[in-house]
C-alpha cells in the first residue's frame, strides 16, 4: 500500500514545491519552487553548502547573504507542512507544531551560525541550523503532546 503523506513529505524535504506538485496544487508548487530558487540564488546558499561540506566554514560564513537566507527556513518548512497537510490521509490535531518550531529554531540557528563555535571551530550557516532542527522538532512534538493531553475530553 502506498503512503501518500510519506511520499509527499520526502519530496518536499528534497525540494520545496515538489510535494504541492504531487498534490496537484500547481500554482502553489510553482510559486514555492520559484521562491526557493530565488532565495537560494540570492543568498548564495548552494555555495555555502559546498564550502561547508568540504570543511571551509569560514568561506561559507563570508559568501552567504544572511539577509536573503533568513527567509529560507520559513519557506522550506511551510512547503513541507503544506504538502503534508494536503496529502491524502488523516490530519491529526496540531500536527503543524513540529514544523513551526523547526522553522523557528533553524532561523535562530542561522542567526548565531556565523559566530557559534564547537570545540573551537565555527559551525557555520549550514551545520548549526541543522543542529538546531533537532530541538525544534522535539519541542514542537512535546508542546503538541501537552496540548493534546490537556485538551483531551475525559468522560
N, C-alpha and C. Protein backbone atom coordinates (compact mmCIF):
# COMPACT_ATOMS: atom_id res chain seq x y z
N UNK A 1 0.83 -1.18 0.00
CA UNK A 1 0.00 0.00 0.00
C UNK A 1 0.88 1.25 0.00
N UNK A 2 0.52 2.19 -0.78
CA UNK A 2 1.30 3.42 -0.95
C UNK A 2 0.91 4.45 0.11
N UNK A 3 1.91 5.03 0.76
CA UNK A 3 1.66 6.04 1.78
C UNK A 3 1.90 7.41 1.15
N UNK A 4 0.84 8.06 0.72
CA UNK A 4 0.93 9.35 0.02
C UNK A 4 1.54 10.43 0.91
N UNK A 5 1.18 10.48 2.18
CA UNK A 5 1.72 11.51 3.08
C UNK A 5 3.24 11.39 3.20
N UNK A 6 3.74 10.17 3.32
CA UNK A 6 5.18 9.96 3.44
C UNK A 6 5.90 10.34 2.14
N UNK A 7 5.32 9.95 1.01
CA UNK A 7 5.90 10.29 -0.28
C UNK A 7 5.99 11.81 -0.47
N UNK A 8 4.90 12.49 -0.17
CA UNK A 8 4.86 13.95 -0.31
C UNK A 8 5.83 14.61 0.67
N UNK A 9 5.92 14.08 1.88
CA UNK A 9 6.84 14.62 2.88
C UNK A 9 8.28 14.56 2.37
N UNK A 10 8.70 13.41 1.86
CA UNK A 10 10.08 13.27 1.41
C UNK A 10 10.39 14.10 0.16
N UNK A 11 9.43 14.21 -0.77
CA UNK A 11 9.67 15.06 -1.93
C UNK A 11 9.75 16.53 -1.53
N UNK A 12 8.98 16.93 -0.53
CA UNK A 12 9.03 18.32 -0.05
C UNK A 12 10.34 18.61 0.66
N UNK A 13 10.86 17.64 1.38
CA UNK A 13 12.17 17.81 2.01
C UNK A 13 13.24 17.97 0.95
N UNK A 14 13.13 17.20 -0.12
CA UNK A 14 14.11 17.27 -1.21
C UNK A 14 14.08 18.63 -1.88
N UNK A 15 12.88 19.17 -2.11
CA UNK A 15 12.78 20.47 -2.80
C UNK A 15 11.39 21.06 -2.54
N UNK A 16 11.34 22.21 -1.86
CA UNK A 16 10.03 22.83 -1.59
C UNK A 16 9.26 23.07 -2.88
N UNK A 17 8.00 22.67 -2.88
CA UNK A 17 7.14 22.83 -4.04
C UNK A 17 6.84 21.51 -4.73
N UNK A 18 7.75 20.54 -4.62
CA UNK A 18 7.53 19.25 -5.27
C UNK A 18 6.33 18.52 -4.66
N UNK A 19 6.16 18.62 -3.35
CA UNK A 19 5.02 17.99 -2.69
C UNK A 19 3.70 18.58 -3.17
N UNK A 20 3.69 19.89 -3.38
CA UNK A 20 2.48 20.55 -3.89
C UNK A 20 2.18 20.06 -5.31
N UNK A 21 3.21 19.89 -6.12
CA UNK A 21 3.00 19.36 -7.47
C UNK A 21 2.41 17.95 -7.41
N UNK A 22 2.89 17.12 -6.49
CA UNK A 22 2.33 15.78 -6.33
C UNK A 22 0.87 15.83 -5.87
N UNK A 23 0.54 16.88 -5.10
CA UNK A 23 -0.84 17.05 -4.63
C UNK A 23 -1.71 17.77 -5.66
N UNK A 24 -1.17 18.02 -6.84
CA UNK A 24 -1.88 18.71 -7.93
C UNK A 24 -2.23 20.16 -7.59
N UNK A 25 -1.41 20.79 -6.75
CA UNK A 25 -1.54 22.21 -6.45
C UNK A 25 -0.45 22.93 -7.25
N UNK A 26 -0.68 23.06 -8.53
CA UNK A 26 0.36 23.52 -9.45
C UNK A 26 0.81 24.95 -9.19
N UNK A 27 -0.13 25.87 -8.97
CA UNK A 27 0.24 27.27 -8.78
C UNK A 27 1.06 27.43 -7.50
N UNK A 28 0.59 26.82 -6.42
CA UNK A 28 1.32 26.90 -5.15
C UNK A 28 2.69 26.23 -5.27
N UNK A 29 2.74 25.08 -5.93
CA UNK A 29 4.01 24.37 -6.10
C UNK A 29 5.01 25.17 -6.90
N UNK A 30 4.57 25.74 -8.02
CA UNK A 30 5.46 26.56 -8.84
C UNK A 30 5.91 27.80 -8.09
N UNK A 31 5.00 28.41 -7.34
CA UNK A 31 5.36 29.60 -6.54
C UNK A 31 6.43 29.25 -5.50
N UNK A 32 6.29 28.12 -4.82
CA UNK A 32 7.29 27.71 -3.84
C UNK A 32 8.62 27.38 -4.49
N UNK A 33 8.59 26.76 -5.65
CA UNK A 33 9.83 26.45 -6.37
C UNK A 33 10.54 27.75 -6.77
N UNK A 34 9.78 28.71 -7.28
CA UNK A 34 10.37 30.00 -7.67
C UNK A 34 10.96 30.70 -6.45
N UNK A 35 10.21 30.73 -5.33
CA UNK A 35 10.72 31.36 -4.11
C UNK A 35 11.99 30.67 -3.61
N UNK A 36 11.98 29.34 -3.62
CA UNK A 36 13.14 28.60 -3.14
C UNK A 36 14.36 28.90 -4.00
N UNK A 37 14.19 28.88 -5.31
CA UNK A 37 15.31 29.15 -6.21
C UNK A 37 15.79 30.60 -6.04
N UNK A 38 14.87 31.55 -5.96
CA UNK A 38 15.23 32.96 -5.78
C UNK A 38 16.04 33.16 -4.50
N UNK A 39 15.52 32.64 -3.39
CA UNK A 39 16.22 32.80 -2.11
C UNK A 39 17.56 32.08 -2.13
N UNK A 40 17.57 30.89 -2.70
CA UNK A 40 18.80 30.11 -2.79
C UNK A 40 19.88 30.85 -3.58
N UNK A 41 19.50 31.39 -4.74
CA UNK A 41 20.47 32.09 -5.59
C UNK A 41 20.92 33.39 -4.94
N UNK A 42 19.96 34.18 -4.45
CA UNK A 42 20.31 35.49 -3.88
C UNK A 42 21.13 35.36 -2.60
N UNK A 43 20.90 34.30 -1.83
CA UNK A 43 21.65 34.12 -0.58
C UNK A 43 22.98 33.40 -0.80
N UNK A 44 23.17 32.86 -2.00
CA UNK A 44 24.37 32.06 -2.31
C UNK A 44 24.47 30.84 -1.40
N UNK A 45 23.32 30.27 -1.10
CA UNK A 45 23.25 29.14 -0.17
C UNK A 45 23.95 27.90 -0.71
N UNK A 46 23.82 27.62 -2.00
CA UNK A 46 24.49 26.44 -2.55
C UNK A 46 26.00 26.55 -2.41
N UNK A 47 26.54 27.75 -2.59
CA UNK A 47 27.99 27.94 -2.41
C UNK A 47 28.37 27.70 -0.95
N UNK A 48 27.52 28.18 -0.02
CA UNK A 48 27.78 27.94 1.40
C UNK A 48 27.71 26.46 1.73
N UNK A 49 26.77 25.75 1.12
CA UNK A 49 26.68 24.29 1.33
C UNK A 49 27.95 23.61 0.84
N UNK A 50 28.40 23.99 -0.35
CA UNK A 50 29.62 23.41 -0.90
C UNK A 50 30.81 23.65 0.03
N UNK A 51 31.02 24.89 0.44
CA UNK A 51 32.13 25.19 1.35
C UNK A 51 32.00 24.43 2.67
N UNK A 52 30.77 24.32 3.19
CA UNK A 52 30.57 23.61 4.46
C UNK A 52 30.91 22.13 4.33
N UNK A 53 30.53 21.53 3.23
CA UNK A 53 30.79 20.10 3.06
C UNK A 53 32.26 19.80 2.84
N UNK A 54 33.03 20.75 2.35
CA UNK A 54 34.47 20.49 2.18
C UNK A 54 35.28 21.06 3.34
N UNK A 55 34.57 21.52 4.38
CA UNK A 55 35.23 21.94 5.61
C UNK A 55 35.75 23.36 5.63
N UNK A 56 35.37 24.18 4.67
CA UNK A 56 35.80 25.58 4.64
C UNK A 56 34.68 26.48 5.16
N UNK A 57 34.43 26.34 6.46
CA UNK A 57 33.30 27.02 7.10
C UNK A 57 33.45 28.53 7.05
N UNK A 58 34.66 29.04 7.23
CA UNK A 58 34.88 30.49 7.18
C UNK A 58 34.43 31.07 5.83
N UNK A 59 34.75 30.35 4.75
CA UNK A 59 34.32 30.80 3.43
C UNK A 59 32.80 30.76 3.32
N UNK A 60 32.18 29.73 3.89
CA UNK A 60 30.71 29.63 3.87
C UNK A 60 30.08 30.81 4.60
N UNK A 61 30.65 31.17 5.74
CA UNK A 61 30.14 32.30 6.52
C UNK A 61 30.23 33.59 5.72
N UNK A 62 31.32 33.78 5.00
CA UNK A 62 31.54 35.03 4.28
C UNK A 62 30.82 35.12 2.94
N UNK A 63 30.53 33.97 2.32
CA UNK A 63 29.90 34.01 1.00
C UNK A 63 28.38 34.19 1.10
N UNK A 64 27.78 33.70 2.18
CA UNK A 64 26.33 33.70 2.28
C UNK A 64 25.79 35.10 2.59
N UNK A 65 24.64 35.42 2.00
CA UNK A 65 23.94 36.67 2.28
C UNK A 65 22.83 36.36 3.28
N UNK A 66 23.08 36.68 4.54
CA UNK A 66 22.15 36.34 5.61
C UNK A 66 20.80 37.04 5.47
N UNK A 67 20.79 38.23 4.86
CA UNK A 67 19.52 38.94 4.68
C UNK A 67 18.55 38.12 3.82
N UNK A 68 19.05 37.44 2.83
CA UNK A 68 18.21 36.58 2.00
C UNK A 68 17.98 35.22 2.65
N UNK A 69 19.02 34.67 3.25
CA UNK A 69 18.94 33.33 3.80
C UNK A 69 17.96 33.23 4.97
N UNK A 70 17.70 34.33 5.65
CA UNK A 70 16.77 34.31 6.77
C UNK A 70 15.36 33.91 6.34
N UNK A 71 15.02 34.09 5.07
CA UNK A 71 13.70 33.69 4.57
C UNK A 71 13.60 32.18 4.33
N UNK A 72 14.73 31.54 4.13
CA UNK A 72 14.74 30.15 3.68
C UNK A 72 14.04 29.18 4.63
N UNK A 73 14.33 29.21 5.95
CA UNK A 73 13.68 28.22 6.83
C UNK A 73 12.16 28.27 6.81
N UNK A 74 11.59 29.46 6.78
CA UNK A 74 10.13 29.55 6.79
C UNK A 74 9.51 29.04 5.50
N UNK A 75 10.11 29.40 4.37
CA UNK A 75 9.61 28.90 3.08
C UNK A 75 9.77 27.38 3.03
N UNK A 76 10.91 26.90 3.46
CA UNK A 76 11.21 25.47 3.42
C UNK A 76 10.21 24.67 4.26
N UNK A 77 10.05 25.04 5.53
CA UNK A 77 9.19 24.27 6.41
C UNK A 77 7.70 24.49 6.11
N UNK A 78 7.34 25.68 5.62
CA UNK A 78 5.96 25.87 5.19
C UNK A 78 5.64 24.94 4.03
N UNK A 79 6.55 24.85 3.07
CA UNK A 79 6.35 23.97 1.93
C UNK A 79 6.18 22.52 2.34
N UNK A 80 6.99 22.08 3.29
CA UNK A 80 6.90 20.70 3.77
C UNK A 80 5.56 20.48 4.47
N UNK A 81 5.22 21.37 5.40
CA UNK A 81 3.98 21.22 6.15
C UNK A 81 2.76 21.29 5.24
N UNK A 82 2.74 22.24 4.35
CA UNK A 82 1.58 22.43 3.48
C UNK A 82 1.35 21.21 2.59
N UNK A 83 2.40 20.68 2.03
CA UNK A 83 2.26 19.50 1.18
C UNK A 83 1.79 18.30 2.00
N UNK A 84 2.35 18.14 3.18
CA UNK A 84 1.97 17.04 4.07
C UNK A 84 0.50 17.16 4.47
N UNK A 85 0.09 18.37 4.82
CA UNK A 85 -1.28 18.62 5.26
C UNK A 85 -2.29 18.29 4.16
N UNK A 86 -1.97 18.62 2.92
CA UNK A 86 -2.91 18.43 1.83
C UNK A 86 -2.81 17.06 1.14
N UNK A 87 -1.90 16.22 1.60
CA UNK A 87 -1.80 14.88 1.04
C UNK A 87 -2.96 14.02 1.55
N UNK A 88 -3.26 12.96 0.81
CA UNK A 88 -4.33 12.05 1.21
C UNK A 88 -3.98 11.42 2.55
N UNK A 89 -4.96 11.32 3.41
CA UNK A 89 -4.75 10.69 4.71
C UNK A 89 -5.25 11.57 5.83
N UNK A 90 -5.20 11.02 7.02
CA UNK A 90 -5.69 11.71 8.21
C UNK A 90 -4.78 12.87 8.59
N UNK A 91 -5.39 13.96 9.06
CA UNK A 91 -4.65 15.12 9.56
C UNK A 91 -4.90 15.26 11.06
N UNK A 92 -3.99 14.72 11.88
CA UNK A 92 -4.17 14.82 13.33
C UNK A 92 -4.13 16.28 13.81
N UNK A 93 -4.71 16.51 14.95
CA UNK A 93 -4.74 17.86 15.54
C UNK A 93 -3.34 18.35 15.86
N UNK A 94 -3.13 19.61 15.61
CA UNK A 94 -1.88 20.31 15.95
C UNK A 94 -0.64 19.71 15.31
N UNK A 95 -0.79 19.05 14.18
CA UNK A 95 0.36 18.43 13.51
C UNK A 95 1.34 19.47 12.95
N UNK A 96 0.92 20.72 12.89
CA UNK A 96 1.77 21.78 12.36
C UNK A 96 2.86 22.20 13.34
N UNK A 97 2.70 21.92 14.62
CA UNK A 97 3.63 22.44 15.64
C UNK A 97 5.09 22.02 15.43
N UNK A 98 5.40 20.77 15.12
CA UNK A 98 6.82 20.44 14.88
C UNK A 98 7.41 21.21 13.69
N UNK A 99 6.61 21.49 12.67
CA UNK A 99 7.09 22.24 11.51
C UNK A 99 7.36 23.70 11.88
N UNK A 100 6.44 24.29 12.64
CA UNK A 100 6.59 25.69 13.05
C UNK A 100 7.81 25.86 13.95
N UNK A 101 7.94 25.00 14.93
CA UNK A 101 9.08 25.12 15.84
C UNK A 101 10.40 24.79 15.14
N UNK A 102 10.36 23.91 14.16
CA UNK A 102 11.56 23.64 13.37
C UNK A 102 11.98 24.89 12.60
N UNK A 103 11.03 25.56 11.96
CA UNK A 103 11.35 26.79 11.22
C UNK A 103 11.94 27.84 12.16
N UNK A 104 11.34 27.98 13.34
CA UNK A 104 11.82 28.97 14.30
C UNK A 104 13.24 28.65 14.77
N UNK A 105 13.47 27.41 15.18
CA UNK A 105 14.78 27.04 15.71
C UNK A 105 15.86 27.08 14.64
N UNK A 106 15.54 26.66 13.43
CA UNK A 106 16.52 26.73 12.34
C UNK A 106 16.87 28.19 12.04
N UNK A 107 15.88 29.07 12.10
CA UNK A 107 16.15 30.50 11.89
C UNK A 107 17.05 31.05 12.99
N UNK A 108 16.79 30.67 14.23
CA UNK A 108 17.65 31.10 15.34
C UNK A 108 19.06 30.55 15.16
N UNK A 109 19.17 29.28 14.77
CA UNK A 109 20.48 28.69 14.49
C UNK A 109 21.22 29.44 13.40
N UNK A 110 20.49 29.87 12.40
CA UNK A 110 21.08 30.64 11.31
C UNK A 110 21.62 31.98 11.81
N UNK A 111 20.86 32.63 12.70
CA UNK A 111 21.28 33.94 13.21
C UNK A 111 22.59 33.85 14.00
N UNK A 112 22.81 32.75 14.69
CA UNK A 112 24.02 32.61 15.50
C UNK A 112 25.13 31.83 14.79
N UNK A 113 24.88 31.39 13.59
CA UNK A 113 25.80 30.48 12.91
C UNK A 113 27.15 31.08 12.56
N UNK A 114 27.23 32.38 12.39
CA UNK A 114 28.49 32.98 11.97
C UNK A 114 29.48 33.13 13.11
N UNK A 115 29.01 32.93 14.36
CA UNK A 115 29.93 33.13 15.48
C UNK A 115 29.93 32.00 16.51
N UNK A 116 29.07 31.02 16.36
CA UNK A 116 29.00 29.92 17.32
C UNK A 116 30.09 28.90 17.04
N UNK A 117 30.82 28.56 18.09
CA UNK A 117 31.92 27.61 17.96
C UNK A 117 31.63 26.34 18.74
N UNK A 118 32.06 25.23 18.18
CA UNK A 118 32.03 23.95 18.87
C UNK A 118 33.45 23.41 18.80
N UNK A 119 34.05 23.19 19.96
CA UNK A 119 35.44 22.73 20.07
C UNK A 119 36.38 23.68 19.32
N UNK A 120 36.10 24.98 19.41
CA UNK A 120 36.96 25.98 18.81
C UNK A 120 36.78 26.19 17.32
N UNK A 121 35.78 25.56 16.73
CA UNK A 121 35.53 25.68 15.29
C UNK A 121 34.17 26.31 15.06
N UNK A 122 34.11 27.32 14.20
CA UNK A 122 32.83 27.94 13.86
C UNK A 122 31.99 26.92 13.10
N UNK A 123 30.72 26.80 13.50
CA UNK A 123 29.85 25.77 12.93
C UNK A 123 29.33 26.18 11.55
N UNK A 124 28.97 27.43 11.37
CA UNK A 124 28.59 27.94 10.05
C UNK A 124 27.11 27.89 9.73
N UNK A 125 26.74 28.48 8.57
CA UNK A 125 25.34 28.66 8.20
C UNK A 125 24.64 27.41 7.67
N UNK A 126 25.33 26.30 7.60
CA UNK A 126 24.68 25.06 7.18
C UNK A 126 24.52 24.13 8.38
N UNK A 127 25.60 23.89 9.12
CA UNK A 127 25.58 22.88 10.18
C UNK A 127 24.83 23.34 11.43
N UNK A 128 24.98 24.57 11.87
CA UNK A 128 24.29 24.99 13.10
C UNK A 128 22.77 24.97 12.92
N UNK A 129 22.22 25.47 11.82
CA UNK A 129 20.77 25.34 11.64
C UNK A 129 20.30 23.88 11.63
N UNK A 130 21.11 22.99 11.06
CA UNK A 130 20.73 21.57 11.07
C UNK A 130 20.73 21.04 12.50
N UNK A 131 21.72 21.44 13.29
CA UNK A 131 21.77 21.03 14.69
C UNK A 131 20.54 21.58 15.44
N UNK A 132 20.17 22.84 15.16
CA UNK A 132 19.03 23.45 15.83
C UNK A 132 17.70 22.84 15.40
N UNK A 133 17.68 22.11 14.31
CA UNK A 133 16.46 21.43 13.86
C UNK A 133 16.00 20.40 14.88
N UNK A 134 16.94 19.72 15.51
CA UNK A 134 16.61 18.64 16.44
C UNK A 134 15.80 19.15 17.62
N UNK A 135 16.25 20.19 18.35
CA UNK A 135 15.39 20.68 19.44
C UNK A 135 14.09 21.29 18.92
N UNK A 136 14.09 21.84 17.72
CA UNK A 136 12.86 22.40 17.16
C UNK A 136 11.79 21.34 16.99
N UNK A 137 12.17 20.22 16.40
CA UNK A 137 11.22 19.12 16.22
C UNK A 137 10.77 18.58 17.58
N UNK A 138 11.72 18.36 18.47
CA UNK A 138 11.40 17.79 19.78
C UNK A 138 10.47 18.70 20.59
N UNK A 139 10.75 19.98 20.62
CA UNK A 139 9.91 20.91 21.37
C UNK A 139 8.53 21.01 20.73
N UNK A 140 8.48 21.04 19.41
CA UNK A 140 7.18 21.07 18.72
C UNK A 140 6.36 19.83 19.05
N UNK A 141 6.98 18.66 19.04
CA UNK A 141 6.27 17.42 19.38
C UNK A 141 5.83 17.41 20.84
N UNK A 142 6.71 17.92 21.70
CA UNK A 142 6.39 17.97 23.14
C UNK A 142 5.21 18.91 23.40
N UNK A 143 5.22 20.09 22.81
CA UNK A 143 4.12 21.04 23.01
C UNK A 143 2.82 20.47 22.43
N UNK A 144 2.92 19.83 21.28
CA UNK A 144 1.73 19.18 20.69
C UNK A 144 1.17 18.14 21.65
N UNK A 145 2.07 17.34 22.22
CA UNK A 145 1.62 16.31 23.16
C UNK A 145 0.97 16.93 24.40
N UNK A 146 1.55 18.01 24.91
CA UNK A 146 0.96 18.71 26.06
C UNK A 146 -0.43 19.23 25.73
N UNK A 147 -0.56 19.89 24.59
CA UNK A 147 -1.85 20.45 24.20
C UNK A 147 -2.88 19.34 24.05
N UNK A 148 -2.50 18.25 23.39
CA UNK A 148 -3.44 17.14 23.21
C UNK A 148 -3.82 16.51 24.55
N UNK A 149 -2.86 16.43 25.44
CA UNK A 149 -3.12 15.85 26.76
C UNK A 149 -4.10 16.71 27.56
N UNK A 150 -3.88 18.02 27.57
CA UNK A 150 -4.70 18.91 28.39
C UNK A 150 -6.01 19.32 27.73
N UNK A 151 -6.16 19.05 26.44
CA UNK A 151 -7.43 19.37 25.79
C UNK A 151 -8.27 18.12 25.56
N UNK A 152 -7.73 16.96 25.91
CA UNK A 152 -8.48 15.72 25.73
C UNK A 152 -9.68 15.71 26.68
N UNK A 153 -10.80 15.31 26.14
CA UNK A 153 -12.01 15.23 26.97
C UNK A 153 -12.04 13.88 27.66
N UNK A 154 -12.19 13.91 28.96
CA UNK A 154 -12.29 12.67 29.71
C UNK A 154 -13.72 12.52 30.19
N UNK A 155 -14.26 11.36 29.96
CA UNK A 155 -15.65 11.08 30.36
C UNK A 155 -15.67 9.93 31.32
